Amino acid sequence: MNKSDLVDALASASGMTKADASRAVDAMFSPSDGIIAGALRGGHRVQITGFGTFEVKHRKARMGRNPRTGQSIHISASNSPAFKAGKGLKDAVN
């Protein structure tokens, strides 16, 4: 399912117009100014009971290896978004 499929499904399930559904999807999931991305940038977790939790995981700096040359390289510390599925979503899939 891609974004346009999600917009179509939201519009039909909620009775919204496709334009309203598209704005709702953008408001939630846009990487630049979406609600979830904004909360994660602010250091908060987004927990949707029964669905799952979005959070930021911190990766420490470490030494890695270039697979082409075998040379050791330094990999900088970084933050990475993560999603952990909730019990309701796990049960629905299984």
C-alpha atoms as a PDB file:
ATOM      1  CA  MET A   1       0.000   0.000   0.000  1.00  0.00           C
ATOM      2  CA  ASN A   2       1.435   3.371  -0.968  1.00  0.00           C
ATOM      3  CA  LYS A   3       0.392   6.883   0.043  1.00  0.00           C
ATOM      4  CA  SER A   4      -2.337   7.259  -2.588  1.00  0.00           C
ATOM      5  CA  ASP A   5      -3.797   3.867  -1.608  1.00  0.00           C
ATOM      6  CA  LEU A   6      -3.782   4.993   2.025  1.00  0.00           C
ATOM      7  CA  VAL A   7      -5.548   8.241   1.094  1.00  0.00           C
ATOM      8  CA  ASP A   8      -8.198   6.310  -0.863  1.00  0.00           C
ATOM      9  CA  ALA A   9      -8.747   3.865   2.010  1.00  0.00           C
ATOM     10  CA  LEU A  10      -9.012   6.683   4.574  1.00  0.00           C
ATOM     11  CA  ALA A  11     -11.467   8.597   2.383  1.00  0.00           C
ATOM     12  CA  SER A  12     -13.738   5.585   1.917  1.00  0.00           C
ATOM     13  CA  ALA A  13     -13.543   4.432   5.564  1.00  0.00           C
ATOM     14  CA  SER A  14     -14.260   7.850   7.069  1.00  0.00           C
ATOM     15  CA  GLY A  15     -16.501   9.491   4.470  1.00  0.00           C
ATOM     16  CA  MET A  16     -13.967  12.276   3.896  1.00  0.00           C
ATOM     17  CA  THR A  17     -13.197  13.688   0.501  1.00  0.00           C
ATOM     18  CA  LYS A  18      -9.923  12.530  -1.021  1.00  0.00           C
ATOM     19  CA  ALA A  19      -8.512  16.045  -0.620  1.00  0.00           C
ATOM     20  CA  ASP A  20      -9.322  16.062   3.111  1.00  0.00           C
ATOM     21  CA  ALA A  21      -7.918  12.548   3.514  1.00  0.00           C
ATOM     22  CA  SER A  22      -4.721  13.575   1.728  1.00  0.00           C
ATOM     23  CA  ARG A  23      -4.289  16.553   4.050  1.00  0.00           C
ATOM     24  CA  ALA A  24      -4.877  14.281   7.067  1.00  0.00           C
ATOM     25  CA  VAL A  25      -2.255  11.761   5.895  1.00  0.00           C
ATOM     26  CA  ASP A  26       0.233  14.582   5.216  1.00  0.00           C
ATOM     27  CA  ALA A  27      -0.433  16.105   8.638  1.00  0.00           C
ATOM     28  CA  MET A  28       0.412  12.805  10.340  1.00  0.00           C
ATOM     29  CA  PHE A  29       3.206  11.327   8.241  1.00  0.00           C
ATOM     30  CA  SER A  30       5.040  14.150   6.439  1.00  0.00           C
ATOM     31  CA  PRO A  31       8.777  13.856   7.212  1.00  0.00           C
ATOM     32  CA  SER A  32       9.299  17.619   7.193  1.00  0.00           C
ATOM     33  CA  ASP A  33       6.349  18.985   9.166  1.00  0.00           C
ATOM     34  CA  GLY A  34       4.223  15.990  10.154  1.00  0.00           C
ATOM     35  CA  ILE A  35       2.940  15.458  13.679  1.00  0.00           C
ATOM     36  CA  ILE A  36       4.897  12.244  14.274  1.00  0.00           C
ATOM     37  CA  ALA A  37       8.185  13.577  12.849  1.00  0.00           C
ATOM     38  CA  GLY A  38       7.820  16.798  14.853  1.00  0.00           C
ATOM     39  CA  ALA A  39       7.281  14.911  18.095  1.00  0.00           C
ATOM     40  CA  LEU A  40      10.313  12.691  17.433  1.00  0.00           C
ATOM     41  CA  ARG A  41      12.475  15.734  16.619  1.00  0.00           C
ATOM     42  CA  GLY A  42      11.358  17.232  19.939  1.00  0.00           C
ATOM     43  CA  GLY A  43      12.566  14.140  21.803  1.00  0.00           C
ATOM     44  CA  HIS A  44       9.117  12.704  22.511  1.00  0.00           C
ATOM     45  CA  ARG A  45       7.689   9.238  21.927  1.00  0.00           C
ATOM     46  CA  VAL A  46       4.440   8.812  20.019  1.00  0.00           C
ATOM     47  CA  GLN A  47       2.444   5.966  21.540  1.00  0.00           C
ATOM     48  CA  ILE A  48      -0.797   4.816  19.939  1.00  0.00           C
ATOM     49  CA  THR A  49      -2.343   2.255  22.256  1.00  0.00           C
ATOM     50  CA  GLY A  50      -2.971  -1.043  20.501  1.00  0.00           C
ATOM     51  CA  PHE A  51      -1.083   0.047  17.371  1.00  0.00           C
ATOM     52  CA  GLY A  52       2.485   0.792  18.384  1.00  0.00           C
ATOM     53  CA  THR A  53       5.126   3.259  19.484  1.00  0.00           C
ATOM     54  CA  PHE A  54       7.336   5.558  17.428  1.00  0.00           C
ATOM     55  CA  GLU A  55      10.549   6.616  19.160  1.00  0.00           C
ATOM     56  CA  VAL A  56      14.108   7.752  18.482  1.00  0.00           C
ATOM     57  CA  LYS A  57      16.961   5.317  19.070  1.00  0.00           C
ATOM     58  CA  HIS A  58      20.463   6.666  19.619  1.00  0.00           C
ATOM     59  CA  ARG A  59      23.347   4.834  17.959  1.00  0.00           C
ATOM     60  CA  LYS A  60      26.771   5.311  19.522  1.00  0.00           C
ATOM     61  CA  ALA A  61      29.856   6.115  17.469  1.00  0.00           C
ATOM     62  CA  ARG A  62      31.711   2.988  16.477  1.00  0.00           C
ATOM     63  CA  MET A  63      34.415   1.580  14.263  1.00  0.00           C
ATOM     64  CA  GLY A  64      33.291  -0.182  11.110  1.00  0.00           C
ATOM     65  CA  ARG A  65      34.928  -1.789   8.108  1.00  0.00           C
ATOM     66  CA  ASN A  66      34.699  -0.825   4.457  1.00  0.00           C
ATOM     67  CA  PRO A  67      33.632  -4.115   2.828  1.00  0.00           C
ATOM     68  CA  ARG A  68      35.300  -3.218  -0.480  1.00  0.00           C
ATOM     69  CA  THR A  69      38.761  -2.343   0.851  1.00  0.00           C
ATOM     70  CA  GLY A  70      38.761  -3.884   4.320  1.00  0.00           C
ATOM     71  CA  GLN A  71      39.920  -0.552   5.748  1.00  0.00           C
ATOM     72  CA  SER A  72      38.650   0.469   9.218  1.00  0.00           C
ATOM     73  CA  ILE A  73      36.431   3.542   9.226  1.00  0.00           C
ATOM     74  CA  HIS A  74      34.847   5.661  11.954  1.00  0.00           C
ATOM     75  CA  ILE A  75      31.035   5.707  11.960  1.00  0.00           C
ATOM     76  CA  SER A  76      29.624   8.782  13.709  1.00  0.00           C
ATOM     77  CA  ALA A  77      26.928   8.683  16.372  1.00  0.00           C
ATOM     78  CA  SER A  78      23.411   9.161  14.999  1.00  0.00           C
ATOM     79  CA  ASN A  79      19.745   9.118  15.881  1.00  0.00           C
ATOM     80  CA  SER A  80      17.376   6.794  14.060  1.00  0.00           C
ATOM     81  CA  PRO A  81      13.567   6.588  14.115  1.00  0.00           C
ATOM     82  CA  ALA A  82      12.149   3.260  15.291  1.00  0.00           C
ATOM     83  CA  PHE A  83       8.711   1.682  15.454  1.00  0.00           C
ATOM     84  CA  LYS A  84       7.669  -1.042  17.853  1.00  0.00           C
ATOM     85  CA  ALA A  85       4.362  -2.747  17.062  1.00  0.00           C
ATOM     86  CA  GLY A  86       1.796  -2.940  19.850  1.00  0.00           C
ATOM     87  CA  LYS A  87      -0.060  -6.048  20.985  1.00  0.00           C
ATOM     88  CA  GLY A  88      -3.242  -5.182  19.079  1.00  0.00           C
ATOM     89  CA  LEU A  89      -1.385  -4.810  15.785  1.00  0.00           C
ATOM     90  CA  LYS A  90       0.616  -7.999  16.371  1.00  0.00           C
ATOM     91  CA  ASP A  91      -2.575  -9.928  17.141  1.00  0.00           C
ATOM     92  CA  ALA A  92      -4.318  -8.530  14.050  1.00  0.00           C
ATOM     93  CA  VAL A  93      -1.450  -9.614  11.800  1.00  0.00           C
ATOM     94  CA  ASN A  94      -1.178 -13.096  13.324  1.00  0.00           C
END
